[in-house]
Amino acid sequence: MTWVPAECTLPSEERPLRAAEFDELFAAALRELARPEPTLLRLTLDGADAVATATRDLVTRESACCSLFDFTLTRTPDGALQVEVRVPADRADVLDGLAARAAAATAGGPP
């Protein structure tokens, strides 16, 4: 859980559950991961309605406890769901951890 920022207000006992939700989302729906800037992570997910609903719910809950994340969800022309995650420049390390977790989940390895 090294990617969880110190600013996170989610109770410690709930953090593994939240991380598991991200892992499940990444393993099931992540199509592409890009890091165009140190403070920007771009995730392209399957565009199914169920994925979009689950993603909106997850990022809404994450935004409520970790205000340093700025999530933007958009549909791509081919119908995929694109999630952009931005963080302040001094917290790029948190984004490093989230990107590593996404890459590991899609590869089937341990986060």
PDB file of N, CA and C in Angstrom:
ATOM      1  N   MET A   1       0.817  -1.194   0.000  1.00  0.00           N
ATOM      2  CA  MET A   1       0.000   0.000   0.000  1.00  0.00           C
ATOM      3  C   MET A   1       0.862   1.260   0.000  1.00  0.00           C
ATOM      4  N   THR A   2       2.058   1.191  -0.554  1.00  0.00           N
ATOM      5  CA  THR A   2       2.959   2.340  -0.539  1.00  0.00           C
ATOM      6  C   THR A   2       2.469   3.482  -1.425  1.00  0.00           C
ATOM      7  N   TRP A   3       1.545   3.233  -2.320  1.00  0.00           N
ATOM      8  CA  TRP A   3       1.059   4.304  -3.199  1.00  0.00           C
ATOM      9  C   TRP A   3      -0.001   5.163  -2.528  1.00  0.00           C
ATOM     10  N   VAL A   4      -0.502   4.740  -1.374  1.00  0.00           N
ATOM     11  CA  VAL A   4      -1.537   5.513  -0.690  1.00  0.00           C
ATOM     12  C   VAL A   4      -0.907   6.765  -0.091  1.00  0.00           C
ATOM     13  N   PRO A   5      -1.410   7.939  -0.472  1.00  0.00           N
ATOM     14  CA  PRO A   5      -0.814   9.178   0.031  1.00  0.00           C
ATOM     15  C   PRO A   5      -1.128   9.412   1.501  1.00  0.00           C
ATOM     16  N   ALA A   6      -0.230  10.100   2.168  1.00  0.00           N
ATOM     17  CA  ALA A   6      -0.417  10.423   3.583  1.00  0.00           C
ATOM     18  C   ALA A   6      -1.675  11.261   3.795  1.00  0.00           C
ATOM     19  N   GLU A   7      -2.070  12.030   2.790  1.00  0.00           N
ATOM     20  CA  GLU A   7      -3.255  12.886   2.889  1.00  0.00           C
ATOM     21  C   GLU A   7      -4.566  12.101   2.881  1.00  0.00           C
ATOM     22  N   CYS A   8      -4.502  10.836   2.573  1.00  0.00           N
ATOM     23  CA  CYS A   8      -5.702  10.014   2.462  1.00  0.00           C
ATOM     24  C   CYS A   8      -6.415   9.937   3.810  1.00  0.00           C
ATOM     25  N   THR A   9      -7.715  10.216   3.799  1.00  0.00           N
ATOM     26  CA  THR A   9      -8.504  10.161   5.019  1.00  0.00           C
ATOM     27  C   THR A   9      -9.308   8.874   5.142  1.00  0.00           C
ATOM     28  N   LEU A  10      -9.147   7.960   4.193  1.00  0.00           N
ATOM     29  CA  LEU A  10      -9.834   6.673   4.279  1.00  0.00           C
ATOM     30  C   LEU A  10      -9.267   5.915   5.476  1.00  0.00           C
ATOM     31  N   PRO A  11     -10.133   5.371   6.333  1.00  0.00           N
ATOM     32  CA  PRO A  11      -9.618   4.620   7.487  1.00  0.00           C
ATOM     33  C   PRO A  11      -8.678   3.493   7.054  1.00  0.00           C
ATOM     34  N   SER A  12      -7.639   3.299   7.823  1.00  0.00           N
ATOM     35  CA  SER A  12      -6.594   2.315   7.483  1.00  0.00           C
ATOM     36  C   SER A  12      -7.155   0.929   7.190  1.00  0.00           C
ATOM     37  N   GLU A  13      -8.162   0.508   7.949  1.00  0.00           N
ATOM     38  CA  GLU A  13      -8.709  -0.833   7.749  1.00  0.00           C
ATOM     39  C   GLU A  13      -9.469  -0.966   6.430  1.00  0.00           C
ATOM     40  N   GLU A  14      -9.877   0.161   5.830  1.00  0.00           N
ATOM     41  CA  GLU A  14     -10.593   0.124   4.552  1.00  0.00           C
ATOM     42  C   GLU A  14      -9.661   0.238   3.343  1.00  0.00           C
ATOM     43  N   ARG A  15      -8.422   0.611   3.569  1.00  0.00           N
ATOM     44  CA  ARG A  15      -7.496   0.831   2.452  1.00  0.00           C
ATOM     45  C   ARG A  15      -7.223  -0.416   1.619  1.00  0.00           C
ATOM     46  N   PRO A  16      -7.012  -1.582   2.247  1.00  0.00           N
ATOM     47  CA  PRO A  16      -6.805  -2.781   1.406  1.00  0.00           C
ATOM     48  C   PRO A  16      -8.020  -3.105   0.540  1.00  0.00           C
ATOM     49  N   LEU A  17      -9.214  -2.834   1.053  1.00  0.00           N
ATOM     50  CA  LEU A  17     -10.424  -3.087   0.273  1.00  0.00           C
ATOM     51  C   LEU A  17     -10.500  -2.158  -0.929  1.00  0.00           C
ATOM     52  N   ARG A  18     -10.150  -0.892  -0.730  1.00  0.00           N
ATOM     53  CA  ARG A  18     -10.161   0.075  -1.832  1.00  0.00           C
ATOM     54  C   ARG A  18      -9.104  -0.302  -2.866  1.00  0.00           C
ATOM     55  N   ALA A  19      -7.928  -0.681  -2.402  1.00  0.00           N
ATOM     56  CA  ALA A  19      -6.871  -1.098  -3.329  1.00  0.00           C
ATOM     57  C   ALA A  19      -7.324  -2.304  -4.143  1.00  0.00           C
ATOM     58  N   ALA A  20      -8.025  -3.224  -3.502  1.00  0.00           N
ATOM     59  CA  ALA A  20      -8.538  -4.404  -4.211  1.00  0.00           C
ATOM     60  C   ALA A  20      -9.555  -4.002  -5.272  1.00  0.00           C
ATOM     61  N   GLU A  21     -10.364  -2.977  -4.992  1.00  0.00           N
ATOM     62  CA  GLU A  21     -11.315  -2.493  -5.991  1.00  0.00           C
ATOM     63  C   GLU A  21     -10.597  -1.955  -7.218  1.00  0.00           C
ATOM     64  N   PHE A  22      -9.518  -1.186  -6.993  1.00  0.00           N
ATOM     65  CA  PHE A  22      -8.730  -0.692  -8.122  1.00  0.00           C
ATOM     66  C   PHE A  22      -8.095  -1.868  -8.875  1.00  0.00           C
ATOM     67  N   ASP A  23      -7.540  -2.826  -8.147  1.00  0.00           N
ATOM     68  CA  ASP A  23      -6.921  -3.992  -8.787  1.00  0.00           C
ATOM     69  C   ASP A  23      -7.924  -4.733  -9.668  1.00  0.00           C
ATOM     70  N   GLU A  24      -9.125  -4.938  -9.145  1.00  0.00           N
ATOM     71  CA  GLU A  24     -10.165  -5.639  -9.909  1.00  0.00           C
ATOM     72  C   GLU A  24     -10.543  -4.864 -11.167  1.00  0.00           C
ATOM     73  N   LEU A  25     -10.695  -3.559 -11.021  1.00  0.00           N
ATOM     74  CA  LEU A  25     -11.024  -2.730 -12.178  1.00  0.00           C
ATOM     75  C   LEU A  25      -9.922  -2.821 -13.230  1.00  0.00           C
ATOM     76  N   PHE A  26      -8.683  -2.664 -12.806  1.00  0.00           N
ATOM     77  CA  PHE A  26      -7.564  -2.714 -13.746  1.00  0.00           C
ATOM     78  C   PHE A  26      -7.475  -4.084 -14.419  1.00  0.00           C
ATOM     79  N   ALA A  27      -7.590  -5.154 -13.643  1.00  0.00           N
ATOM     80  CA  ALA A  27      -7.458  -6.508 -14.193  1.00  0.00           C
ATOM     81  C   ALA A  27      -8.573  -6.810 -15.192  1.00  0.00           C
ATOM     82  N   ALA A  28      -9.768  -6.321 -14.921  1.00  0.00           N
ATOM     83  CA  ALA A  28     -10.916  -6.645 -15.765  1.00  0.00           C
ATOM     84  C   ALA A  28     -11.078  -5.726 -16.966  1.00  0.00           C
ATOM     85  N   ALA A  29     -10.682  -4.450 -16.826  1.00  0.00           N
ATOM     86  CA  ALA A  29     -11.102  -3.492 -17.846  1.00  0.00           C
ATOM     87  C   ALA A  29     -10.001  -2.641 -18.460  1.00  0.00           C
ATOM     88  N   LEU A  30      -8.788  -2.652 -17.917  1.00  0.00           N
ATOM     89  CA  LEU A  30      -7.750  -1.769 -18.439  1.00  0.00           C
ATOM     90  C   LEU A  30      -7.262  -2.247 -19.800  1.00  0.00           C
ATOM     91  N   ARG A  31      -7.343  -1.357 -20.781  1.00  0.00           N
ATOM     92  CA  ARG A  31      -6.866  -1.644 -22.141  1.00  0.00           C
ATOM     93  C   ARG A  31      -5.494  -1.040 -22.394  1.00  0.00           C
ATOM     94  N   GLU A  32      -5.277   0.144 -21.840  1.00  0.00           N
ATOM     95  CA  GLU A  32      -4.026   0.865 -22.121  1.00  0.00           C
ATOM     96  C   GLU A  32      -3.695   1.780 -20.950  1.00  0.00           C
ATOM     97  N   LEU A  33      -2.416   1.911 -20.712  1.00  0.00           N
ATOM     98  CA  LEU A  33      -1.910   2.782 -19.657  1.00  0.00           C
ATOM     99  C   LEU A  33      -0.853   3.682 -20.274  1.00  0.00           C
ATOM    100  N   ALA A  34      -0.949   4.977 -20.030  1.00  0.00           N
ATOM    101  CA  ALA A  34       0.033   5.923 -20.570  1.00  0.00           C
ATOM    102  C   ALA A  34       0.387   6.930 -19.482  1.00  0.00           C
ATOM    103  N   ARG A  35       1.613   7.398 -19.528  1.00  0.00           N
ATOM    104  CA  ARG A  35       2.087   8.402 -18.574  1.00  0.00           C
ATOM    105  C   ARG A  35       2.688   9.553 -19.370  1.00  0.00           C
ATOM    106  N   PRO A  36       1.847  10.399 -19.998  1.00  0.00           N
ATOM    107  CA  PRO A  36       2.352  11.467 -20.856  1.00  0.00           C
ATOM    108  C   PRO A  36       3.102  12.563 -20.118  1.00  0.00           C
ATOM    109  N   GLU A  37       2.867  12.690 -18.821  1.00  0.00           N
ATOM    110  CA  GLU A  37       3.549  13.684 -17.984  1.00  0.00           C
ATOM    111  C   GLU A  37       3.781  13.059 -16.616  1.00  0.00           C
ATOM    112  N   PRO A  38       4.766  13.527 -15.863  1.00  0.00           N
ATOM    113  CA  PRO A  38       5.000  12.966 -14.525  1.00  0.00           C
ATOM    114  C   PRO A  38       3.793  13.070 -13.598  1.00  0.00           C
ATOM    115  N   THR A  39       2.943  14.060 -13.821  1.00  0.00           N
ATOM    116  CA  THR A  39       1.784  14.262 -12.941  1.00  0.00           C
ATOM    117  C   THR A  39       0.469  13.819 -13.567  1.00  0.00           C
ATOM    118  N   LEU A  40       0.542  13.101 -14.679  1.00  0.00           N
ATOM    119  CA  LEU A  40      -0.664  12.646 -15.378  1.00  0.00           C
ATOM    120  C   LEU A  40      -0.553  11.175 -15.737  1.00  0.00           C
ATOM    121  N   LEU A  41      -1.545  10.426 -15.317  1.00  0.00           N
ATOM    122  CA  LEU A  41      -1.680   9.025 -15.688  1.00  0.00           C
ATOM    123  C   LEU A  41      -2.966   8.903 -16.503  1.00  0.00           C
ATOM    124  N   ARG A  42      -2.865   8.299 -17.671  1.00  0.00           N
ATOM    125  CA  ARG A  42      -4.029   8.129 -18.540  1.00  0.00           C
ATOM    126  C   ARG A  42      -4.320   6.637 -18.663  1.00  0.00           C
ATOM    127  N   LEU A  43      -5.509   6.263 -18.240  1.00  0.00           N
ATOM    128  CA  LEU A  43      -5.945   4.875 -18.281  1.00  0.00           C
ATOM    129  C   LEU A  43      -7.091   4.763 -19.277  1.00  0.00           C
ATOM    130  N   THR A  44      -7.006   3.840 -20.200  1.00  0.00           N
ATOM    131  CA  THR A  44      -8.093   3.585 -21.132  1.00  0.00           C
ATOM    132  C   THR A  44      -8.726   2.262 -20.734  1.00  0.00           C
ATOM    133  N   LEU A  45     -10.013   2.337 -20.422  1.00  0.00           N
ATOM    134  CA  LEU A  45     -10.746   1.170 -19.944  1.00  0.00           C
ATOM    135  C   LEU A  45     -11.775   0.721 -20.962  1.00  0.00           C
ATOM    136  N   ASP A  46     -12.197  -0.513 -20.827  1.00  0.00           N
ATOM    137  CA  ASP A  46     -13.320  -1.041 -21.575  1.00  0.00           C
ATOM    138  C   ASP A  46     -14.484  -0.064 -21.379  1.00  0.00           C
ATOM    139  N   GLY A  47     -15.210   0.223 -22.421  1.00  0.00           N
ATOM    140  CA  GLY A  47     -16.274   1.212 -22.349  1.00  0.00           C
ATOM    141  C   GLY A  47     -17.645   0.676 -21.973  1.00  0.00           C
ATOM    142  N   ALA A  48     -17.725  -0.556 -21.527  1.00  0.00           N
ATOM    143  CA  ALA A  48     -19.025  -1.123 -21.159  1.00  0.00           C
ATOM    144  C   ALA A  48     -19.698  -0.266 -20.090  1.00  0.00           C
ATOM    145  N   ASP A  49     -21.014  -0.210 -20.144  1.00  0.00           N
ATOM    146  CA  ASP A  49     -21.760   0.605 -19.182  1.00  0.00           C
ATOM    147  C   ASP A  49     -21.463   0.202 -17.744  1.00  0.00           C
ATOM    148  N   ALA A  50     -21.353  -1.086 -17.478  1.00  0.00           N
ATOM    149  CA  ALA A  50     -21.068  -1.544 -16.113  1.00  0.00           C
ATOM    150  C   ALA A  50     -19.694  -1.058 -15.650  1.00  0.00           C
ATOM    151  N   VAL A  51     -18.722  -1.052 -16.544  1.00  0.00           N
ATOM    152  CA  VAL A  51     -17.378  -0.556 -16.213  1.00  0.00           C
ATOM    153  C   VAL A  51     -17.436   0.936 -15.933  1.00  0.00           C
ATOM    154  N   ALA A  52     -18.150   1.675 -16.760  1.00  0.00           N
ATOM    155  CA  ALA A  52     -18.254   3.117 -16.564  1.00  0.00           C
ATOM    156  C   ALA A  52     -18.929   3.445 -15.240  1.00  0.00           C
ATOM    157  N   THR A  53     -19.988   2.733 -14.911  1.00  0.00           N
ATOM    158  CA  THR A  53     -20.691   2.966 -13.648  1.00  0.00           C
ATOM    159  C   THR A  53     -19.789   2.654 -12.465  1.00  0.00           C
ATOM    160  N   ALA A  54     -19.112   1.513 -12.504  1.00  0.00           N
ATOM    161  CA  ALA A  54     -18.220   1.129 -11.408  1.00  0.00           C
ATOM    162  C   ALA A  54     -17.061   2.102 -11.275  1.00  0.00           C
ATOM    163  N   THR A  55     -16.534   2.570 -12.402  1.00  0.00           N
ATOM    164  CA  THR A  55     -15.407   3.505 -12.376  1.00  0.00           C
ATOM    165  C   THR A  55     -15.825   4.843 -11.800  1.00  0.00           C
ATOM    166  N   ARG A  56     -16.959   5.351 -12.231  1.00  0.00           N
ATOM    167  CA  ARG A  56     -17.456   6.625 -11.677  1.00  0.00           C
ATOM    168  C   ARG A  56     -17.640   6.528 -10.167  1.00  0.00           C
ATOM    169  N   ASP A  57     -18.223   5.438  -9.712  1.00  0.00           N
ATOM    170  CA  ASP A  57     -18.428   5.240  -8.273  1.00  0.00           C
ATOM    171  C   ASP A  57     -17.091   5.192  -7.532  1.00  0.00           C
ATOM    172  N   LEU A  58     -16.149   4.434  -8.067  1.00  0.00           N
ATOM    173  CA  LEU A  58     -14.849   4.283  -7.417  1.00  0.00           C
ATOM    174  C   LEU A  58     -14.095   5.601  -7.353  1.00  0.00           C
ATOM    175  N   VAL A  59     -14.028   6.339  -8.443  1.00  0.00           N
ATOM    176  CA  VAL A  59     -13.266   7.598  -8.422  1.00  0.00           C
ATOM    177  C   VAL A  59     -13.976   8.664  -7.590  1.00  0.00           C
ATOM    178  N   THR A  60     -15.301   8.613  -7.520  1.00  0.00           N
ATOM    179  CA  THR A  60     -16.018   9.544  -6.642  1.00  0.00           C
ATOM    180  C   THR A  60     -15.661   9.278  -5.186  1.00  0.00           C
ATOM    181  N   ARG A  61     -15.656   8.017  -4.802  1.00  0.00           N
ATOM    182  CA  ARG A  61     -15.300   7.679  -3.422  1.00  0.00           C
ATOM    183  C   ARG A  61     -13.836   7.985  -3.135  1.00  0.00           C
ATOM    184  N   GLU A  62     -12.968   7.748  -4.107  1.00  0.00           N
ATOM    185  CA  GLU A  62     -11.542   8.024  -3.910  1.00  0.00           C
ATOM    186  C   GLU A  62     -11.293   9.524  -3.802  1.00  0.00           C
ATOM    187  N   SER A  63     -11.974  10.307  -4.600  1.00  0.00           N
ATOM    188  CA  SER A  63     -11.835  11.767  -4.541  1.00  0.00           C
ATOM    189  C   SER A  63     -12.272  12.314  -3.188  1.00  0.00           C
ATOM    190  N   ALA A  64     -13.259  11.672  -2.584  1.00  0.00           N
ATOM    191  CA  ALA A  64     -13.776  12.128  -1.295  1.00  0.00           C
ATOM    192  C   ALA A  64     -12.757  11.955  -0.166  1.00  0.00           C
ATOM    193  N   CYS A  65     -11.885  10.970  -0.279  1.00  0.00           N
ATOM    194  CA  CYS A  65     -10.929  10.728   0.806  1.00  0.00           C
ATOM    195  C   CYS A  65      -9.500  11.145   0.444  1.00  0.00           C
ATOM    196  N   CYS A  66      -9.214  11.292  -0.823  1.00  0.00           N
ATOM    197  CA  CYS A  66      -7.862  11.665  -1.261  1.00  0.00           C
ATOM    198  C   CYS A  66      -7.971  12.842  -2.224  1.00  0.00           C
ATOM    199  N   SER A  67      -8.045  14.016  -1.661  1.00  0.00           N
ATOM    200  CA  SER A  67      -8.309  15.204  -2.460  1.00  0.00           C
ATOM    201  C   SER A  67      -7.174  15.578  -3.403  1.00  0.00           C
ATOM    202  N   LEU A  68      -6.008  14.972  -3.258  1.00  0.00           N
ATOM    203  CA  LEU A  68      -4.911  15.325  -4.161  1.00  0.00           C
ATOM    204  C   LEU A  68      -5.106  14.747  -5.556  1.00  0.00           C
ATOM    205  N   PHE A  69      -5.947  13.711  -5.687  1.00  0.00           N
ATOM    206  CA  PHE A  69      -6.233  13.149  -7.004  1.00  0.00           C
ATOM    207  C   PHE A  69      -7.268  13.998  -7.719  1.00  0.00           C
ATOM    208  N   ASP A  70      -7.014  14.273  -8.990  1.00  0.00           N
ATOM    209  CA  ASP A  70      -7.983  14.937  -9.844  1.00  0.00           C
ATOM    210  C   ASP A  70      -8.310  13.956 -10.969  1.00  0.00           C
ATOM    211  N   PHE A  71      -9.505  13.392 -10.941  1.00  0.00           N
ATOM    212  CA  PHE A  71      -9.940  12.413 -11.928  1.00  0.00           C
ATOM    213  C   PHE A  71     -10.816  13.083 -12.980  1.00  0.00           C
ATOM    214  N   THR A  72     -10.579  12.738 -14.245  1.00  0.00           N
ATOM    215  CA  THR A  72     -11.436  13.167 -15.344  1.00  0.00           C
ATOM    216  C   THR A  72     -11.792  11.931 -16.155  1.00  0.00           C
ATOM    217  N   LEU A  73     -13.075  11.711 -16.354  1.00  0.00           N
ATOM    218  CA  LEU A  73     -13.554  10.577 -17.137  1.00  0.00           C
ATOM    219  C   LEU A  73     -14.183  11.096 -18.420  1.00  0.00           C
ATOM    220  N   THR A  74     -13.777  10.512 -19.548  1.00  0.00           N
ATOM    221  CA  THR A  74     -14.348  10.871 -20.846  1.00  0.00           C
ATOM    222  C   THR A  74     -14.474   9.620 -21.708  1.00  0.00           C
ATOM    223  N   ARG A  75     -15.358   9.697 -22.667  1.00  0.00           N
ATOM    224  CA  ARG A  75     -15.504   8.633 -23.661  1.00  0.00           C
ATOM    225  C   ARG A  75     -14.601   8.953 -24.841  1.00  0.00           C
ATOM    226  N   THR A  76     -13.926   7.941 -25.355  1.00  0.00           N
ATOM    227  CA  THR A  76     -13.108   8.112 -26.552  1.00  0.00           C
ATOM    228  C   THR A  76     -14.000   7.896 -27.778  1.00  0.00           C
ATOM    229  N   PRO A  77     -13.538   8.304 -28.963  1.00  0.00           N
ATOM    230  CA  PRO A  77     -14.357   8.111 -30.169  1.00  0.00           C
ATOM    231  C   PRO A  77     -14.742   6.650 -30.420  1.00  0.00           C
ATOM    232  N   ASP A  78     -13.913   5.717 -29.975  1.00  0.00           N
ATOM    233  CA  ASP A  78     -14.246   4.302 -30.191  1.00  0.00           C
ATOM    234  C   ASP A  78     -15.097   3.711 -29.065  1.00  0.00           C
ATOM    235  N   GLY A  79     -15.539   4.553 -28.110  1.00  0.00           N
ATOM    236  CA  GLY A  79     -16.432   4.091 -27.051  1.00  0.00           C
ATOM    237  C   GLY A  79     -15.759   3.645 -25.773  1.00  0.00           C
ATOM    238  N   ALA A  80     -14.431   3.669 -25.732  1.00  0.00           N
ATOM    239  CA  ALA A  80     -13.725   3.302 -24.508  1.00  0.00           C
ATOM    240  C   ALA A  80     -13.913   4.406 -23.467  1.00  0.00           C
ATOM    241  N   LEU A  81     -13.605   4.082 -22.233  1.00  0.00           N
ATOM    242  CA  LEU A  81     -13.658   5.057 -21.152  1.00  0.00           C
ATOM    243  C   LEU A  81     -12.230   5.456 -20.806  1.00  0.00           C
ATOM    244  N   GLN A  82     -11.946   6.738 -20.897  1.00  0.00           N
ATOM    245  CA  GLN A  82     -10.605   7.225 -20.563  1.00  0.00           C
ATOM    246  C   GLN A  82     -10.663   7.917 -19.207  1.00  0.00           C
ATOM    247  N   VAL A  83      -9.748   7.498 -18.342  1.00  0.00           N
ATOM    248  CA  VAL A  83      -9.643   8.078 -17.010  1.00  0.00           C
ATOM    249  C   VAL A  83      -8.289   8.768 -16.924  1.00  0.00           C
ATOM    250  N   GLU A  84      -8.312  10.076 -16.700  1.00  0.00           N
ATOM    251  CA  GLU A  84      -7.074  10.808 -16.475  1.00  0.00           C
ATOM    252  C   GLU A  84      -6.982  11.104 -14.984  1.00  0.00           C
ATOM    253  N   VAL A  85      -5.824  10.803 -14.442  1.00  0.00           N
ATOM    254  CA  VAL A  85      -5.574  11.034 -13.026  1.00  0.00           C
ATOM    255  C   VAL A  85      -4.410  12.006 -12.930  1.00  0.00           C
ATOM    256  N   ARG A  86      -4.655  13.151 -12.324  1.00  0.00           N
ATOM    257  CA  ARG A  86      -3.618  14.165 -12.125  1.00  0.00           C
ATOM    258  C   ARG A  86      -3.349  14.330 -10.636  1.00  0.00           C
ATOM    259  N   VAL A  87      -2.100  14.661 -10.343  1.00  0.00           N
ATOM    260  CA  VAL A  87      -1.696  14.956  -8.971  1.00  0.00           C
ATOM    261  C   VAL A  87      -0.793  16.190  -8.992  1.00  0.00           C
ATOM    262  N   PRO A  88      -0.633  16.864  -7.863  1.00  0.00           N
ATOM    263  CA  PRO A  88       0.311  17.975  -7.800  1.00  0.00           C
ATOM    264  C   PRO A  88       1.736  17.491  -8.080  1.00  0.00           C
ATOM    265  N   ALA A  89       2.586  18.386  -8.553  1.00  0.00           N
ATOM    266  CA  ALA A  89       3.958  18.027  -8.931  1.00  0.00           C
ATOM    267  C   ALA A  89       4.731  17.368  -7.796  1.00  0.00           C
ATOM    268  N   ASP A  90       4.487  17.806  -6.580  1.00  0.00           N
ATOM    269  CA  ASP A  90       5.236  17.242  -5.452  1.00  0.00           C
ATOM    270  C   ASP A  90       4.698  15.884  -5.008  1.00  0.00           C
ATOM    271  N   ARG A  91       3.669  15.361  -5.685  1.00  0.00           N
ATOM    272  CA  ARG A  91       3.107  14.055  -5.332  1.00  0.00           C
ATOM    273  C   ARG A  91       3.128  13.071  -6.492  1.00  0.00           C
ATOM    274  N   ALA A  92       4.028  13.283  -7.439  1.00  0.00           N
ATOM    275  CA  ALA A  92       4.149  12.371  -8.578  1.00  0.00           C
ATOM    276  C   ALA A  92       4.470  10.950  -8.122  1.00  0.00           C
ATOM    277  N   ASP A  93       5.103  10.806  -6.963  1.00  0.00           N
ATOM    278  CA  ASP A  93       5.414   9.485  -6.442  1.00  0.00           C
ATOM    279  C   ASP A  93       4.154   8.659  -6.183  1.00  0.00           C
ATOM    280  N   VAL A  94       3.083   9.314  -5.795  1.00  0.00           N
ATOM    281  CA  VAL A  94       1.822   8.618  -5.571  1.00  0.00           C
ATOM    282  C   VAL A  94       1.290   8.069  -6.899  1.00  0.00           C
ATOM    283  N   LEU A  95       1.427   8.856  -7.937  1.00  0.00           N
ATOM    284  CA  LEU A  95       0.997   8.413  -9.261  1.00  0.00           C
ATOM    285  C   LEU A  95       1.876   7.277  -9.770  1.00  0.00           C
ATOM    286  N   ASP A  96       3.168   7.311  -9.429  1.00  0.00           N
ATOM    287  CA  ASP A  96       4.061   6.197  -9.769  1.00  0.00           C
ATOM    288  C   ASP A  96       3.516   4.889  -9.203  1.00  0.00           C
ATOM    289  N   GLY A  97       3.100   4.940  -7.944  1.00  0.00           N
ATOM    290  CA  GLY A  97       2.575   3.747  -7.288  1.00  0.00           C
ATOM    291  C   GLY A  97       1.286   3.258  -7.912  1.00  0.00           C
ATOM    292  N   LEU A  98       0.395   4.180  -8.242  1.00  0.00           N
ATOM    293  CA  LEU A  98      -0.866   3.789  -8.873  1.00  0.00           C
ATOM    294  C   LEU A  98      -0.619   3.199 -10.257  1.00  0.00           C
ATOM    295  N   ALA A  99       0.301   3.780 -11.007  1.00  0.00           N
ATOM    296  CA  ALA A  99       0.636   3.259 -12.337  1.00  0.00           C
ATOM    297  C   ALA A  99       1.242   1.857 -12.232  1.00  0.00           C
ATOM    298  N   ALA A 100       2.110   1.655 -11.261  1.00  0.00           N
ATOM    299  CA  ALA A 100       2.717   0.333 -11.069  1.00  0.00           C
ATOM    300  C   ALA A 100       1.660  -0.692 -10.690  1.00  0.00           C
ATOM    301  N   ARG A 101       0.722  -0.288  -9.860  1.00  0.00           N
ATOM    302  CA  ARG A 101      -0.352  -1.180  -9.440  1.00  0.00           C
ATOM    303  C   ARG A 101      -1.217  -1.568 -10.652  1.00  0.00           C
ATOM    304  N   ALA A 102      -1.533  -0.585 -11.500  1.00  0.00           N
ATOM    305  CA  ALA A 102      -2.334  -0.872 -12.692  1.00  0.00           C
ATOM    306  C   ALA A 102      -1.596  -1.823 -13.623  1.00  0.00           C
ATOM    307  N   ALA A 103      -0.314  -1.572 -13.838  1.00  0.00           N
ATOM    308  CA  ALA A 103       0.483  -2.423 -14.727  1.00  0.00           C
ATOM    309  C   ALA A 103       0.554  -3.846 -14.181  1.00  0.00           C
ATOM    310  N   ALA A 104       0.742  -3.984 -12.884  1.00  0.00           N
ATOM    311  CA  ALA A 104       0.824  -5.319 -12.278  1.00  0.00           C
ATOM    312  C   ALA A 104      -0.508  -6.053 -12.370  1.00  0.00           C
ATOM    313  N   ALA A 105      -1.586  -5.347 -12.155  1.00  0.00           N
ATOM    314  CA  ALA A 105      -2.913  -5.987 -12.193  1.00  0.00           C
ATOM    315  C   ALA A 105      -3.233  -6.500 -13.592  1.00  0.00           C
ATOM    316  N   THR A 106      -2.851  -5.737 -14.616  1.00  0.00           N
ATOM    317  CA  THR A 106      -3.146  -6.176 -15.974  1.00  0.00           C
ATOM    318  C   THR A 106      -2.228  -7.310 -16.407  1.00  0.00           C
ATOM    319  N   ALA A 107      -1.052  -7.380 -15.801  1.00  0.00           N
ATOM    320  CA  ALA A 107      -0.110  -8.444 -16.139  1.00  0.00           C
ATOM    321  C   ALA A 107      -0.387  -9.707 -15.332  1.00  0.00           C
ATOM    322  N   GLY A 108      -1.322  -9.610 -14.382  1.00  0.00           N
ATOM    323  CA  GLY A 108      -1.655 -10.776 -13.570  1.00  0.00           C
ATOM    324  C   GLY A 108      -0.690 -11.004 -12.427  1.00  0.00           C
ATOM    325  N   GLY A 109       0.201 -10.061 -12.189  1.00  0.00           N
ATOM    326  CA  GLY A 109       1.170 -10.202 -11.111  1.00  0.00           C
ATOM    327  C   GLY A 109       0.705  -9.557  -9.841  1.00  0.00           C
ATOM    328  N   PRO A 110       1.494  -9.686  -8.788  1.00  0.00           N
ATOM    329  CA  PRO A 110       1.127  -9.049  -7.527  1.00  0.00           C
ATOM    330  C   PRO A 110       1.280  -7.543  -7.630  1.00  0.00           C
ATOM    331  N   PRO A 111       0.358  -6.801  -7.004  1.00  0.00           N
ATOM    332  CA  PRO A 111       0.438  -5.339  -7.041  1.00  0.00           C
ATOM    333  C   PRO A 111       1.616  -4.810  -6.248  1.00  0.00           C
TER     334      PRO A 111
END
